[in-house]
Amino acid sequence: MSKQALAQAMDFDSPYVSHMESGRHKPGGDFARLADEALNAGKAIWPALGNHEQAGTKETR
């Protein structure tokens, strides 16, 4: 599915979806839920969001 088609299915602007995909903006729960529904991902996106948040809080040495 193209970013434009995904954005339309989620009722978001395509630049917003692009920002989420590139990591310029942190996706929220609503974004994950809507993306999961639009992509028929079987609720795989929500756990990925949690992994994304955990990765951002790890300390690097």
PDB file of N, CA and C in Angstrom:
ATOM      1  N   MET A   1       0.860  -1.175   0.000  1.00  0.00           N
ATOM      2  CA  MET A   1       0.000   0.000   0.000  1.00  0.00           C
ATOM      3  C   MET A   1       0.903   1.233   0.000  1.00  0.00           C
ATOM      4  N   SER A   2       0.562   2.197  -0.817  1.00  0.00           N
ATOM      5  CA  SER A   2       1.360   3.424  -0.864  1.00  0.00           C
ATOM      6  C   SER A   2       1.099   4.274   0.377  1.00  0.00           C
ATOM      7  N   LYS A   3       2.020   5.183   0.660  1.00  0.00           N
ATOM      8  CA  LYS A   3       1.820   6.096   1.794  1.00  0.00           C
ATOM      9  C   LYS A   3       0.555   6.911   1.616  1.00  0.00           C
ATOM     10  N   GLN A   4       0.297   7.330   0.378  1.00  0.00           N
ATOM     11  CA  GLN A   4      -0.894   8.133   0.115  1.00  0.00           C
ATOM     12  C   GLN A   4      -2.163   7.322   0.366  1.00  0.00           C
ATOM     13  N   ALA A   5      -2.191   6.073  -0.063  1.00  0.00           N
ATOM     14  CA  ALA A   5      -3.354   5.218   0.164  1.00  0.00           C
ATOM     15  C   ALA A   5      -3.526   4.931   1.657  1.00  0.00           C
ATOM     16  N   LEU A   6      -2.416   4.687   2.349  1.00  0.00           N
ATOM     17  CA  LEU A   6      -2.481   4.448   3.790  1.00  0.00           C
ATOM     18  C   LEU A   6      -2.994   5.681   4.513  1.00  0.00           C
ATOM     19  N   ALA A   7      -2.465   6.827   4.164  1.00  0.00           N
ATOM     20  CA  ALA A   7      -2.912   8.077   4.795  1.00  0.00           C
ATOM     21  C   ALA A   7      -4.403   8.287   4.568  1.00  0.00           C
ATOM     22  N   GLN A   8      -4.860   8.026   3.374  1.00  0.00           N
ATOM     23  CA  GLN A   8      -6.278   8.196   3.073  1.00  0.00           C
ATOM     24  C   GLN A   8      -7.124   7.213   3.883  1.00  0.00           C
ATOM     25  N   ALA A   9      -6.678   5.965   3.991  1.00  0.00           N
ATOM     26  CA  ALA A   9      -7.410   4.959   4.758  1.00  0.00           C
ATOM     27  C   ALA A   9      -7.467   5.305   6.238  1.00  0.00           C
ATOM     28  N   MET A  10      -6.424   5.994   6.732  1.00  0.00           N
ATOM     29  CA  MET A  10      -6.350   6.357   8.143  1.00  0.00           C
ATOM     30  C   MET A  10      -6.932   7.738   8.420  1.00  0.00           C
ATOM     31  N   ASP A  11      -7.284   8.464   7.369  1.00  0.00           N
ATOM     32  CA  ASP A  11      -7.795   9.836   7.467  1.00  0.00           C
ATOM     33  C   ASP A  11      -6.736  10.800   8.004  1.00  0.00           C
ATOM     34  N   PHE A  12      -5.497  10.604   7.530  1.00  0.00           N
ATOM     35  CA  PHE A  12      -4.386  11.487   7.838  1.00  0.00           C
ATOM     36  C   PHE A  12      -3.852  12.063   6.529  1.00  0.00           C
ATOM     37  N   ASP A  13      -3.059  13.118   6.624  1.00  0.00           N
ATOM     38  CA  ASP A  13      -2.360  13.650   5.459  1.00  0.00           C
ATOM     39  C   ASP A  13      -1.156  12.755   5.172  1.00  0.00           C
ATOM     40  N   SER A  14      -0.826  12.585   3.888  1.00  0.00           N
ATOM     41  CA  SER A  14       0.307  11.724   3.546  1.00  0.00           C
ATOM     42  C   SER A  14       1.642  12.228   4.097  1.00  0.00           C
ATOM     43  N   PRO A  15       1.890  13.562   4.202  1.00  0.00           N
ATOM     44  CA  PRO A  15       3.147  13.989   4.824  1.00  0.00           C
ATOM     45  C   PRO A  15       3.262  13.547   6.289  1.00  0.00           C
ATOM     46  N   TYR A  16       2.136  13.501   7.001  1.00  0.00           N
ATOM     47  CA  TYR A  16       2.144  13.051   8.404  1.00  0.00           C
ATOM     48  C   TYR A  16       2.569  11.589   8.466  1.00  0.00           C
ATOM     49  N   VAL A  17       2.020  10.752   7.593  1.00  0.00           N
ATOM     50  CA  VAL A  17       2.390   9.340   7.553  1.00  0.00           C
ATOM     51  C   VAL A  17       3.874   9.205   7.214  1.00  0.00           C
ATOM     52  N   SER A  18       4.349  10.025   6.309  1.00  0.00           N
ATOM     53  CA  SER A  18       5.762  10.007   5.938  1.00  0.00           C
ATOM     54  C   SER A  18       6.649  10.362   7.132  1.00  0.00           C
ATOM     55  N   HIS A  19       6.231  11.344   7.914  1.00  0.00           N
ATOM     56  CA  HIS A  19       6.996  11.731   9.113  1.00  0.00           C
ATOM     57  C   HIS A  19       7.041  10.584  10.117  1.00  0.00           C
ATOM     58  N   MET A  20       5.957   9.858  10.264  1.00  0.00           N
ATOM     59  CA  MET A  20       5.931   8.711  11.177  1.00  0.00           C
ATOM     60  C   MET A  20       6.881   7.629  10.680  1.00  0.00           C
ATOM     61  N   GLU A  21       6.800   7.357   9.379  1.00  0.00           N
ATOM     62  CA  GLU A  21       7.615   6.301   8.794  1.00  0.00           C
ATOM     63  C   GLU A  21       9.108   6.607   8.923  1.00  0.00           C
ATOM     64  N   SER A  22       9.474   7.854   8.748  1.00  0.00           N
ATOM     65  CA  SER A  22      10.881   8.226   8.791  1.00  0.00           C
ATOM     66  C   SER A  22      11.415   8.398  10.209  1.00  0.00           C
ATOM     67  N   GLY A  23      10.517   8.450  11.192  1.00  0.00           N
ATOM     68  CA  GLY A  23      10.935   8.621  12.574  1.00  0.00           C
ATOM     69  C   GLY A  23      11.079  10.065  13.009  1.00  0.00           C
ATOM     70  N   ARG A  24      10.664  11.004  12.169  1.00  0.00           N
ATOM     71  CA  ARG A  24      10.735  12.422  12.541  1.00  0.00           C
ATOM     72  C   ARG A  24       9.725  12.778  13.614  1.00  0.00           C
ATOM     73  N   HIS A  25       8.633  12.031  13.692  1.00  0.00           N
ATOM     74  CA  HIS A  25       7.628  12.217  14.733  1.00  0.00           C
ATOM     75  C   HIS A  25       7.376  10.880  15.402  1.00  0.00           C
ATOM     76  N   LYS A  26       7.093  10.920  16.681  1.00  0.00           N
ATOM     77  CA  LYS A  26       6.809   9.707  17.441  1.00  0.00           C
ATOM     78  C   LYS A  26       5.347   9.318  17.230  1.00  0.00           C
ATOM     79  N   PRO A  27       5.084   8.097  16.775  1.00  0.00           N
ATOM     80  CA  PRO A  27       3.696   7.673  16.576  1.00  0.00           C
ATOM     81  C   PRO A  27       2.998   7.435  17.904  1.00  0.00           C
ATOM     82  N   GLY A  28       1.748   7.785  17.961  1.00  0.00           N
ATOM     83  CA  GLY A  28       0.949   7.558  19.154  1.00  0.00           C
ATOM     84  C   GLY A  28       0.093   6.316  19.015  1.00  0.00           C
ATOM     85  N   GLY A  29      -0.626   6.007  20.058  1.00  0.00           N
ATOM     86  CA  GLY A  29      -1.480   4.825  20.067  1.00  0.00           C
ATOM     87  C   GLY A  29      -2.557   4.856  19.000  1.00  0.00           C
ATOM     88  N   ASP A  30      -3.160   6.020  18.783  1.00  0.00           N
ATOM     89  CA  ASP A  30      -4.192   6.129  17.751  1.00  0.00           C
ATOM     90  C   ASP A  30      -3.616   5.844  16.377  1.00  0.00           C
ATOM     91  N   PHE A  31      -2.432   6.366  16.118  1.00  0.00           N
ATOM     92  CA  PHE A  31      -1.791   6.122  14.829  1.00  0.00           C
ATOM     93  C   PHE A  31      -1.548   4.628  14.644  1.00  0.00           C
ATOM     94  N   ALA A  32      -1.024   3.974  15.662  1.00  0.00           N
ATOM     95  CA  ALA A  32      -0.739   2.540  15.581  1.00  0.00           C
ATOM     96  C   ALA A  32      -2.023   1.742  15.366  1.00  0.00           C
ATOM     97  N   ARG A  33      -3.064   2.079  16.071  1.00  0.00           N
ATOM     98  CA  ARG A  33      -4.331   1.361  15.941  1.00  0.00           C
ATOM     99  C   ARG A  33      -4.908   1.522  14.542  1.00  0.00           C
ATOM    100  N   LEU A  34      -4.926   2.759  14.045  1.00  0.00           N
ATOM    101  CA  LEU A  34      -5.474   3.013  12.717  1.00  0.00           C
ATOM    102  C   LEU A  34      -4.622   2.366  11.620  1.00  0.00           C
ATOM    103  N   ALA A  35      -3.305   2.413  11.771  1.00  0.00           N
ATOM    104  CA  ALA A  35      -2.420   1.782  10.788  1.00  0.00           C
ATOM    105  C   ALA A  35      -2.633   0.273  10.790  1.00  0.00           C
ATOM    106  N   ASP A  36      -2.766  -0.300  11.968  1.00  0.00           N
ATOM    107  CA  ASP A  36      -2.995  -1.732  12.084  1.00  0.00           C
ATOM    108  C   ASP A  36      -4.284  -2.133  11.371  1.00  0.00           C
ATOM    109  N   GLU A  37      -5.348  -1.350  11.578  1.00  0.00           N
ATOM    110  CA  GLU A  37      -6.620  -1.645  10.930  1.00  0.00           C
ATOM    111  C   GLU A  37      -6.521  -1.466   9.414  1.00  0.00           C
ATOM    112  N   ALA A  38      -5.907  -0.376   8.973  1.00  0.00           N
ATOM    113  CA  ALA A  38      -5.815  -0.090   7.541  1.00  0.00           C
ATOM    114  C   ALA A  38      -4.965  -1.124   6.803  1.00  0.00           C
ATOM    115  N   LEU A  39      -3.941  -1.637   7.474  1.00  0.00           N
ATOM    116  CA  LEU A  39      -3.030  -2.585   6.840  1.00  0.00           C
ATOM    117  C   LEU A  39      -3.402  -4.042   7.108  1.00  0.00           C
ATOM    118  N   ASN A  40      -4.463  -4.249   7.903  1.00  0.00           N
ATOM    119  CA  ASN A  40      -4.863  -5.616   8.265  1.00  0.00           C
ATOM    120  C   ASN A  40      -3.676  -6.373   8.858  1.00  0.00           C
ATOM    121  N   ALA A  41      -2.989  -5.735   9.790  1.00  0.00           N
ATOM    122  CA  ALA A  41      -1.738  -6.274  10.326  1.00  0.00           C
ATOM    123  C   ALA A  41      -1.930  -7.227  11.503  1.00  0.00           C
ATOM    124  N   GLY A  42      -3.163  -7.512  11.861  1.00  0.00           N
ATOM    125  CA  GLY A  42      -3.394  -8.469  12.946  1.00  0.00           C
ATOM    126  C   GLY A  42      -2.838  -8.018  14.278  1.00  0.00           C
ATOM    127  N   LYS A  43      -2.909  -6.733  14.539  1.00  0.00           N
ATOM    128  CA  LYS A  43      -2.432  -6.124  15.788  1.00  0.00           C
ATOM    129  C   LYS A  43      -0.930  -6.275  16.000  1.00  0.00           C
ATOM    130  N   ALA A  44      -0.171  -6.322  14.908  1.00  0.00           N
ATOM    131  CA  ALA A  44       1.290  -6.423  15.000  1.00  0.00           C
ATOM    132  C   ALA A  44       1.939  -5.059  15.153  1.00  0.00           C
ATOM    133  N   ILE A  45       1.238  -4.008  14.798  1.00  0.00           N
ATOM    134  CA  ILE A  45       1.848  -2.675  14.842  1.00  0.00           C
ATOM    135  C   ILE A  45       1.911  -2.136  16.268  1.00  0.00           C
ATOM    136  N   TRP A  46       0.913  -2.421  17.080  1.00  0.00           N
ATOM    137  CA  TRP A  46       0.895  -1.924  18.460  1.00  0.00           C
ATOM    138  C   TRP A  46       2.130  -2.389  19.238  1.00  0.00           C
ATOM    139  N   PRO A  47       2.482  -3.691  19.224  1.00  0.00           N
ATOM    140  CA  PRO A  47       3.710  -4.110  19.919  1.00  0.00           C
ATOM    141  C   PRO A  47       4.959  -3.445  19.338  1.00  0.00           C
ATOM    142  N   ALA A  48       4.973  -3.224  18.033  1.00  0.00           N
ATOM    143  CA  ALA A  48       6.123  -2.556  17.422  1.00  0.00           C
ATOM    144  C   ALA A  48       6.261  -1.142  17.952  1.00  0.00           C
ATOM    145  N   LEU A  49       5.142  -0.485  18.222  1.00  0.00           N
ATOM    146  CA  LEU A  49       5.175   0.854  18.804  1.00  0.00           C
ATOM    147  C   LEU A  49       5.815   0.798  20.184  1.00  0.00           C
ATOM    148  N   GLY A  50       5.465  -0.210  20.971  1.00  0.00           N
ATOM    149  CA  GLY A  50       6.066  -0.374  22.287  1.00  0.00           C
ATOM    150  C   GLY A  50       7.562  -0.589  22.189  1.00  0.00           C
ATOM    151  N   ASN A  51       7.990  -1.387  21.207  1.00  0.00           N
ATOM    152  CA  ASN A  51       9.427  -1.618  21.004  1.00  0.00           C
ATOM    153  C   ASN A  51      10.121  -0.337  20.586  1.00  0.00           C
ATOM    154  N   HIS A  52       9.434   0.481  19.785  1.00  0.00           N
ATOM    155  CA  HIS A  52       9.978   1.767  19.354  1.00  0.00           C
ATOM    156  C   HIS A  52      10.187   2.673  20.571  1.00  0.00           C
ATOM    157  N   GLU A  53       9.203   2.699  21.462  1.00  0.00           N
ATOM    158  CA  GLU A  53       9.304   3.553  22.655  1.00  0.00           C
ATOM    159  C   GLU A  53      10.402   3.053  23.582  1.00  0.00           C
ATOM    160  N   GLN A  54      10.538   1.743  23.754  1.00  0.00           N
ATOM    161  CA  GLN A  54      11.591   1.201  24.612  1.00  0.00           C
ATOM    162  C   GLN A  54      12.952   1.509  24.037  1.00  0.00           C
ATOM    163  N   ALA A  55      13.093   1.409  22.744  1.00  0.00           N
ATOM    164  CA  ALA A  55      14.382   1.677  22.102  1.00  0.00           C
ATOM    165  C   ALA A  55      14.806   3.129  22.325  1.00  0.00           C
ATOM    166  N   GLY A  56      13.855   4.029  22.393  1.00  0.00           N
ATOM    167  CA  GLY A  56      14.166   5.428  22.592  1.00  0.00           C
ATOM    168  C   GLY A  56      14.573   5.759  24.014  1.00  0.00           C
ATOM    169  N   THR A  57      14.295   4.860  24.965  1.00  0.00           N
ATOM    170  CA  THR A  57      14.609   5.158  26.363  1.00  0.00           C
ATOM    171  C   THR A  57      15.858   4.434  26.861  1.00  0.00           C
ATOM    172  N   LYS A  58      16.436   3.585  26.016  1.00  0.00           N
ATOM    173  CA  LYS A  58      17.639   2.864  26.443  1.00  0.00           C
ATOM    174  C   LYS A  58      18.835   3.800  26.472  1.00  0.00           C
ATOM    175  N   GLU A  59      19.670   3.607  27.481  1.00  0.00           N
ATOM    176  CA  GLU A  59      20.903   4.388  27.554  1.00  0.00           C
ATOM    177  C   GLU A  59      21.958   3.744  26.674  1.00  0.00           C
ATOM    178  N   THR A  60      22.765   4.557  26.058  1.00  0.00           N
ATOM    179  CA  THR A  60      23.886   4.040  25.264  1.00  0.00           C
ATOM    180  C   THR A  60      25.189   4.376  25.978  1.00  0.00           C
ATOM    181  N   ARG A  61      26.153   3.494  25.878  1.00  0.00           N
ATOM    182  CA  ARG A  61      27.437   3.712  26.549  1.00  0.00           C
ATOM    183  C   ARG A  61      28.542   3.641  25.562  1.00  0.00           C
TER     184      ARG A  61
END
